[in-house]
Amino acid sequence: MATGHPIARTSQASRLMDRVVIEGLEITCVIGAWEWERHITQKLVVDLAMGTDIAAAAASDALSDAVNYAAVAERVEAFVVETEAVLIERLAEGIAQLVLAEFGVSRVSVRVAKPGAVRAASTVAIEIERQAG
């Protein structure tokens, strides 16, 4: 019979795929390459999947041991609004570098979508994956 708390028995190998996910973060900002786009705001939708080991947070049940997804969302939104990027490619790369540097995750997948950018499509998007170090 196994003993101990099930969280404590979780092997390192089984935690290799832990992810904290934020989906559908809607951000209104200045974005675009055309002159008219520089004078309006448009909606972007950001999805993040952050690779991290959740074992400490799962065992302690303490926010201080977890990736604070509210703080991540707030920081990403501020970055996007302040950047006023021309390309969503720039935002995707900047978001990835910001999350890796400021939130202690080992890897991040970022998807930045611009709904309505192409008339015949519901959205266009850039998806990237980056890892620390």
N, C-alpha and C. Protein backbone atom coordinates (compact mmCIF):
# COMPACT_ATOMS: atom_id res chain seq x y z
N MET A 1 0.85 -1.19 0.00
CA MET A 1 0.00 0.00 0.00
C MET A 1 0.88 1.24 0.00
N ALA A 2 0.58 2.18 -0.86
CA ALA A 2 1.36 3.41 -0.96
C ALA A 2 1.06 4.31 0.24
N THR A 3 2.07 5.02 0.67
CA THR A 3 1.89 5.95 1.78
C THR A 3 2.29 7.34 1.35
N GLY A 4 1.91 8.32 2.16
CA GLY A 4 2.28 9.70 1.87
C GLY A 4 1.21 10.38 1.04
N HIS A 5 1.34 11.67 0.94
CA HIS A 5 0.39 12.50 0.20
C HIS A 5 0.61 12.29 -1.29
N PRO A 6 -0.45 12.12 -2.09
CA PRO A 6 -0.27 11.87 -3.52
C PRO A 6 0.50 12.95 -4.25
N ILE A 7 0.38 14.19 -3.82
CA ILE A 7 1.13 15.27 -4.48
C ILE A 7 2.62 15.09 -4.24
N ALA A 8 2.99 14.69 -3.03
CA ALA A 8 4.40 14.50 -2.69
C ALA A 8 5.02 13.36 -3.49
N ARG A 9 4.20 12.37 -3.94
CA ARG A 9 4.73 11.22 -4.68
C ARG A 9 4.86 11.49 -6.17
N THR A 10 4.39 12.62 -6.64
CA THR A 10 4.45 12.92 -8.07
C THR A 10 5.91 12.99 -8.51
N SER A 11 6.25 12.22 -9.53
CA SER A 11 7.64 12.17 -9.99
C SER A 11 7.99 13.41 -10.79
N GLN A 12 9.27 13.70 -10.86
CA GLN A 12 9.76 14.82 -11.67
C GLN A 12 9.37 14.64 -13.12
N ALA A 13 9.44 13.41 -13.63
CA ALA A 13 9.11 13.15 -15.03
C ALA A 13 7.66 13.51 -15.34
N SER A 14 6.76 13.26 -14.40
CA SER A 14 5.35 13.54 -14.67
C SER A 14 5.06 15.04 -14.64
N ARG A 15 5.97 15.84 -14.10
CA ARG A 15 5.75 17.28 -14.04
C ARG A 15 6.38 18.01 -15.23
N LEU A 16 6.99 17.33 -16.13
CA LEU A 16 7.66 17.98 -17.24
C LEU A 16 6.70 18.75 -18.15
N MET A 17 5.44 18.39 -18.13
CA MET A 17 4.48 19.03 -19.02
C MET A 17 3.51 19.95 -18.27
N ASP A 18 3.79 20.31 -17.02
CA ASP A 18 2.91 21.23 -16.30
C ASP A 18 2.85 22.55 -17.05
N ARG A 19 1.62 23.07 -17.17
CA ARG A 19 1.45 24.35 -17.86
C ARG A 19 0.40 25.18 -17.13
N VAL A 20 0.64 26.46 -17.06
CA VAL A 20 -0.36 27.43 -16.61
C VAL A 20 -0.84 28.11 -17.88
N VAL A 21 -2.15 28.12 -18.10
CA VAL A 21 -2.71 28.57 -19.37
C VAL A 21 -3.64 29.76 -19.15
N ILE A 22 -3.46 30.76 -19.99
CA ILE A 22 -4.38 31.90 -20.06
C ILE A 22 -4.89 31.92 -21.50
N GLU A 23 -6.20 31.81 -21.65
CA GLU A 23 -6.80 31.80 -23.00
C GLU A 23 -7.74 32.98 -23.18
N GLY A 24 -7.67 33.56 -24.37
CA GLY A 24 -8.65 34.58 -24.74
C GLY A 24 -8.49 35.91 -24.03
N LEU A 25 -7.26 36.29 -23.71
CA LEU A 25 -7.01 37.59 -23.09
C LEU A 25 -7.21 38.67 -24.15
N GLU A 26 -8.30 39.41 -24.03
CA GLU A 26 -8.63 40.45 -25.01
C GLU A 26 -7.99 41.77 -24.61
N ILE A 27 -7.25 42.35 -25.55
CA ILE A 27 -6.53 43.60 -25.30
C ILE A 27 -6.85 44.57 -26.42
N THR A 28 -7.28 45.76 -26.06
CA THR A 28 -7.54 46.82 -27.03
C THR A 28 -6.32 47.72 -27.09
N CYS A 29 -5.78 47.91 -28.29
CA CYS A 29 -4.52 48.64 -28.41
C CYS A 29 -4.38 49.22 -29.82
N VAL A 30 -3.33 50.02 -30.00
CA VAL A 30 -2.94 50.48 -31.33
C VAL A 30 -2.06 49.39 -31.91
N ILE A 31 -2.44 48.90 -33.09
CA ILE A 31 -1.68 47.85 -33.76
C ILE A 31 -1.93 47.96 -35.26
N GLY A 32 -0.89 47.80 -36.05
CA GLY A 32 -1.09 47.76 -37.49
C GLY A 32 -0.06 48.55 -38.26
N ALA A 33 0.07 48.16 -39.53
CA ALA A 33 1.06 48.76 -40.41
C ALA A 33 0.51 49.90 -41.25
N TRP A 34 -0.79 49.94 -41.43
CA TRP A 34 -1.39 50.97 -42.27
C TRP A 34 -1.57 52.27 -41.49
N GLU A 35 -1.43 53.36 -42.17
CA GLU A 35 -1.52 54.68 -41.52
C GLU A 35 -2.82 54.84 -40.74
N TRP A 36 -3.94 54.43 -41.32
CA TRP A 36 -5.23 54.58 -40.63
C TRP A 36 -5.27 53.76 -39.34
N GLU A 37 -4.53 52.64 -39.28
CA GLU A 37 -4.51 51.81 -38.07
C GLU A 37 -3.77 52.49 -36.91
N ARG A 38 -2.92 53.42 -37.23
CA ARG A 38 -2.13 54.10 -36.19
C ARG A 38 -2.97 55.13 -35.43
N HIS A 39 -4.21 55.37 -35.90
CA HIS A 39 -5.08 56.38 -35.30
C HIS A 39 -6.30 55.79 -34.61
N ILE A 40 -6.37 54.46 -34.54
CA ILE A 40 -7.50 53.80 -33.90
C ILE A 40 -6.98 52.71 -32.97
N THR A 41 -7.87 52.16 -32.18
CA THR A 41 -7.52 50.98 -31.40
C THR A 41 -8.24 49.78 -31.98
N GLN A 42 -7.62 48.62 -31.83
CA GLN A 42 -8.19 47.37 -32.32
C GLN A 42 -8.04 46.31 -31.24
N LYS A 43 -8.82 45.25 -31.37
CA LYS A 43 -8.76 44.17 -30.38
C LYS A 43 -7.80 43.09 -30.84
N LEU A 44 -6.94 42.67 -29.92
CA LEU A 44 -6.11 41.49 -30.09
C LEU A 44 -6.56 40.46 -29.07
N VAL A 45 -6.31 39.20 -29.36
CA VAL A 45 -6.60 38.12 -28.41
C VAL A 45 -5.31 37.35 -28.20
N VAL A 46 -4.89 37.26 -26.93
CA VAL A 46 -3.63 36.61 -26.57
C VAL A 46 -3.92 35.33 -25.79
N ASP A 47 -3.25 34.26 -26.18
CA ASP A 47 -3.28 32.99 -25.45
C ASP A 47 -1.86 32.67 -25.01
N LEU A 48 -1.72 32.24 -23.77
CA LEU A 48 -0.41 31.88 -23.23
C LEU A 48 -0.48 30.49 -22.61
N ALA A 49 0.57 29.71 -22.78
CA ALA A 49 0.75 28.46 -22.05
C ALA A 49 2.17 28.50 -21.49
N MET A 50 2.27 28.55 -20.16
CA MET A 50 3.56 28.73 -19.50
C MET A 50 3.99 27.43 -18.84
N GLY A 51 5.14 26.92 -19.25
CA GLY A 51 5.66 25.69 -18.69
C GLY A 51 6.37 25.95 -17.38
N THR A 52 5.93 25.24 -16.35
CA THR A 52 6.51 25.41 -15.02
C THR A 52 6.23 24.17 -14.20
N ASP A 53 6.99 23.96 -13.17
CA ASP A 53 6.76 22.85 -12.26
C ASP A 53 5.80 23.33 -11.17
N ILE A 54 4.60 22.78 -11.12
CA ILE A 54 3.60 23.24 -10.16
C ILE A 54 3.67 22.49 -8.82
N ALA A 55 4.66 21.63 -8.63
CA ALA A 55 4.70 20.78 -7.44
C ALA A 55 4.68 21.59 -6.14
N ALA A 56 5.47 22.64 -6.05
CA ALA A 56 5.53 23.43 -4.81
C ALA A 56 4.18 24.08 -4.53
N ALA A 57 3.56 24.65 -5.54
CA ALA A 57 2.25 25.29 -5.35
C ALA A 57 1.18 24.26 -4.99
N ALA A 58 1.24 23.10 -5.64
CA ALA A 58 0.26 22.06 -5.34
C ALA A 58 0.39 21.56 -3.91
N ALA A 59 1.63 21.44 -3.43
CA ALA A 59 1.86 20.95 -2.07
C ALA A 59 1.53 22.00 -1.01
N SER A 60 1.88 23.25 -1.28
CA SER A 60 1.70 24.30 -0.26
C SER A 60 0.33 24.97 -0.32
N ASP A 61 -0.30 24.95 -1.49
CA ASP A 61 -1.56 25.66 -1.72
C ASP A 61 -1.39 27.16 -1.49
N ALA A 62 -0.17 27.67 -1.77
CA ALA A 62 0.15 29.08 -1.53
C ALA A 62 0.42 29.79 -2.85
N LEU A 63 -0.21 30.95 -3.01
CA LEU A 63 -0.02 31.74 -4.22
C LEU A 63 1.45 32.09 -4.44
N SER A 64 2.18 32.28 -3.37
CA SER A 64 3.59 32.64 -3.49
C SER A 64 4.42 31.55 -4.17
N ASP A 65 3.91 30.33 -4.22
CA ASP A 65 4.61 29.23 -4.88
C ASP A 65 4.10 28.97 -6.29
N ALA A 66 3.14 29.77 -6.75
CA ALA A 66 2.51 29.55 -8.04
C ALA A 66 2.84 30.67 -9.01
N VAL A 67 2.61 30.42 -10.29
CA VAL A 67 2.65 31.48 -11.28
C VAL A 67 1.36 32.27 -11.11
N ASN A 68 1.49 33.55 -10.79
CA ASN A 68 0.32 34.39 -10.55
C ASN A 68 -0.25 34.82 -11.91
N TYR A 69 -1.24 34.08 -12.37
CA TYR A 69 -1.76 34.33 -13.72
C TYR A 69 -2.44 35.68 -13.85
N ALA A 70 -2.99 36.20 -12.76
CA ALA A 70 -3.57 37.54 -12.81
C ALA A 70 -2.48 38.58 -13.06
N ALA A 71 -1.35 38.42 -12.40
CA ALA A 71 -0.23 39.34 -12.60
C ALA A 71 0.34 39.21 -14.01
N VAL A 72 0.41 37.99 -14.52
CA VAL A 72 0.89 37.78 -15.89
C VAL A 72 -0.03 38.51 -16.87
N ALA A 73 -1.33 38.31 -16.73
CA ALA A 73 -2.30 38.95 -17.64
C ALA A 73 -2.20 40.46 -17.59
N GLU A 74 -2.08 41.01 -16.39
CA GLU A 74 -1.98 42.46 -16.23
C GLU A 74 -0.71 42.99 -16.88
N ARG A 75 0.40 42.31 -16.68
CA ARG A 75 1.68 42.75 -17.24
C ARG A 75 1.69 42.65 -18.76
N VAL A 76 1.13 41.56 -19.30
CA VAL A 76 1.07 41.38 -20.75
C VAL A 76 0.19 42.47 -21.37
N GLU A 77 -0.94 42.74 -20.76
CA GLU A 77 -1.82 43.79 -21.29
C GLU A 77 -1.11 45.14 -21.30
N ALA A 78 -0.43 45.48 -20.22
CA ALA A 78 0.29 46.76 -20.16
C ALA A 78 1.37 46.82 -21.25
N PHE A 79 2.10 45.73 -21.44
CA PHE A 79 3.14 45.68 -22.46
C PHE A 79 2.56 45.92 -23.85
N VAL A 80 1.48 45.23 -24.17
CA VAL A 80 0.87 45.34 -25.50
C VAL A 80 0.38 46.76 -25.75
N VAL A 81 -0.30 47.34 -24.77
CA VAL A 81 -0.83 48.70 -24.93
C VAL A 81 0.30 49.72 -25.08
N GLU A 82 1.34 49.59 -24.26
CA GLU A 82 2.46 50.54 -24.30
C GLU A 82 3.29 50.43 -25.57
N THR A 83 3.37 49.24 -26.14
CA THR A 83 4.25 49.00 -27.29
C THR A 83 3.76 49.67 -28.57
N GLU A 84 2.45 49.71 -28.78
CA GLU A 84 1.88 50.24 -30.02
C GLU A 84 2.63 49.69 -31.24
N ALA A 85 2.74 48.38 -31.28
CA ALA A 85 3.50 47.69 -32.32
C ALA A 85 2.84 47.83 -33.69
N VAL A 86 3.66 47.68 -34.69
CA VAL A 86 3.18 47.62 -36.07
C VAL A 86 2.74 46.19 -36.37
N LEU A 87 3.53 45.21 -35.95
CA LEU A 87 3.29 43.80 -36.28
C LEU A 87 2.96 42.97 -35.05
N ILE A 88 2.06 42.00 -35.24
CA ILE A 88 1.77 41.09 -34.13
C ILE A 88 2.96 40.15 -33.87
N GLU A 89 3.83 39.99 -34.86
CA GLU A 89 5.04 39.21 -34.65
C GLU A 89 5.90 39.83 -33.54
N ARG A 90 6.01 41.16 -33.56
CA ARG A 90 6.79 41.85 -32.53
C ARG A 90 6.17 41.63 -31.15
N LEU A 91 4.85 41.71 -31.09
CA LEU A 91 4.18 41.50 -29.81
C LEU A 91 4.37 40.09 -29.30
N ALA A 92 4.24 39.09 -30.17
CA ALA A 92 4.41 37.71 -29.75
C ALA A 92 5.80 37.49 -29.15
N GLU A 93 6.82 37.97 -29.83
CA GLU A 93 8.19 37.80 -29.33
C GLU A 93 8.39 38.57 -28.03
N GLY A 94 7.90 39.80 -27.96
CA GLY A 94 8.05 40.60 -26.75
C GLY A 94 7.33 39.99 -25.56
N ILE A 95 6.14 39.47 -25.78
CA ILE A 95 5.39 38.82 -24.70
C ILE A 95 6.15 37.60 -24.20
N ALA A 96 6.66 36.80 -25.12
CA ALA A 96 7.40 35.60 -24.73
C ALA A 96 8.61 35.97 -23.88
N GLN A 97 9.39 36.94 -24.32
CA GLN A 97 10.58 37.33 -23.56
C GLN A 97 10.22 37.92 -22.20
N LEU A 98 9.16 38.71 -22.15
CA LEU A 98 8.70 39.30 -20.89
C LEU A 98 8.29 38.22 -19.90
N VAL A 99 7.47 37.27 -20.33
CA VAL A 99 6.99 36.21 -19.44
C VAL A 99 8.15 35.35 -18.94
N LEU A 100 9.06 35.01 -19.82
CA LEU A 100 10.22 34.21 -19.40
C LEU A 100 11.08 34.97 -18.38
N ALA A 101 11.29 36.25 -18.60
CA ALA A 101 12.17 37.04 -17.74
C ALA A 101 11.53 37.39 -16.40
N GLU A 102 10.23 37.68 -16.40
CA GLU A 102 9.61 38.23 -15.20
C GLU A 102 8.82 37.24 -14.36
N PHE A 103 8.49 36.07 -14.89
CA PHE A 103 7.62 35.18 -14.14
C PHE A 103 8.22 33.81 -13.86
N GLY A 104 9.49 33.63 -14.14
CA GLY A 104 10.20 32.43 -13.72
C GLY A 104 9.71 31.13 -14.32
N VAL A 105 9.10 31.18 -15.49
CA VAL A 105 8.68 29.94 -16.14
C VAL A 105 9.80 29.44 -17.04
N SER A 106 9.80 28.15 -17.32
CA SER A 106 10.87 27.57 -18.13
C SER A 106 10.61 27.66 -19.62
N ARG A 107 9.34 27.75 -19.99
CA ARG A 107 9.00 27.87 -21.41
C ARG A 107 7.65 28.55 -21.52
N VAL A 108 7.38 29.07 -22.73
CA VAL A 108 6.10 29.74 -22.96
C VAL A 108 5.70 29.59 -24.42
N SER A 109 4.43 29.34 -24.62
CA SER A 109 3.83 29.39 -25.95
C SER A 109 2.94 30.62 -25.97
N VAL A 110 3.05 31.39 -27.04
CA VAL A 110 2.29 32.63 -27.16
C VAL A 110 1.56 32.61 -28.50
N ARG A 111 0.28 32.96 -28.44
CA ARG A 111 -0.51 33.13 -29.66
C ARG A 111 -1.13 34.52 -29.59
N VAL A 112 -0.85 35.33 -30.61
CA VAL A 112 -1.45 36.66 -30.71
C VAL A 112 -2.31 36.66 -31.95
N ALA A 113 -3.61 36.89 -31.76
CA ALA A 113 -4.55 36.89 -32.87
C ALA A 113 -5.12 38.29 -33.08
N LYS A 114 -5.35 38.61 -34.33
CA LYS A 114 -5.93 39.90 -34.70
C LYS A 114 -7.21 39.62 -35.49
N PRO A 115 -8.33 39.53 -34.77
CA PRO A 115 -9.61 39.24 -35.45
C PRO A 115 -9.95 40.32 -36.47
N GLY A 116 -10.45 39.88 -37.60
CA GLY A 116 -10.89 40.83 -38.62
C GLY A 116 -9.79 41.43 -39.47
N ALA A 117 -8.56 40.98 -39.30
CA ALA A 117 -7.46 41.56 -40.07
C ALA A 117 -7.55 41.23 -41.55
N VAL A 118 -8.13 40.09 -41.85
CA VAL A 118 -8.36 39.68 -43.23
C VAL A 118 -9.86 39.49 -43.39
N ARG A 119 -10.43 40.19 -44.32
CA ARG A 119 -11.88 40.23 -44.47
C ARG A 119 -12.53 38.84 -44.56
N ALA A 120 -11.92 37.93 -45.28
CA ALA A 120 -12.52 36.62 -45.49
C ALA A 120 -12.20 35.60 -44.39
N ALA A 121 -11.44 36.02 -43.37
CA ALA A 121 -11.06 35.11 -42.29
C ALA A 121 -11.55 35.65 -40.95
N SER A 122 -11.85 34.76 -40.04
CA SER A 122 -12.29 35.23 -38.72
C SER A 122 -11.14 35.85 -37.93
N THR A 123 -9.93 35.37 -38.16
CA THR A 123 -8.77 35.94 -37.47
C THR A 123 -7.49 35.55 -38.20
N VAL A 124 -6.43 36.27 -37.90
CA VAL A 124 -5.07 35.87 -38.27
C VAL A 124 -4.28 35.83 -36.96
N ALA A 125 -3.27 35.00 -36.91
CA ALA A 125 -2.54 34.86 -35.65
C ALA A 125 -1.09 34.46 -35.89
N ILE A 126 -0.29 34.77 -34.90
CA ILE A 126 1.09 34.33 -34.83
C ILE A 126 1.20 33.44 -33.60
N GLU A 127 1.82 32.27 -33.74
CA GLU A 127 2.05 31.38 -32.61
C GLU A 127 3.55 31.09 -32.52
N ILE A 128 4.11 31.27 -31.33
CA ILE A 128 5.52 30.99 -31.11
C ILE A 128 5.71 30.23 -29.82
N GLU A 129 6.83 29.54 -29.69
CA GLU A 129 7.23 28.89 -28.45
C GLU A 129 8.68 29.29 -28.15
N ARG A 130 8.93 29.62 -26.91
CA ARG A 130 10.27 29.99 -26.49
C ARG A 130 10.56 29.33 -25.14
N GLN A 131 11.84 29.11 -24.86
CA GLN A 131 12.22 28.60 -23.54
C GLN A 131 13.34 29.41 -22.95
N ALA A 132 13.42 29.34 -21.63
CA ALA A 132 14.42 30.11 -20.89
C ALA A 132 15.82 29.60 -21.21
N GLY A 133 16.76 30.53 -21.11
CA GLY A 133 18.17 30.17 -21.23
C GLY A 133 18.56 29.90 -22.60
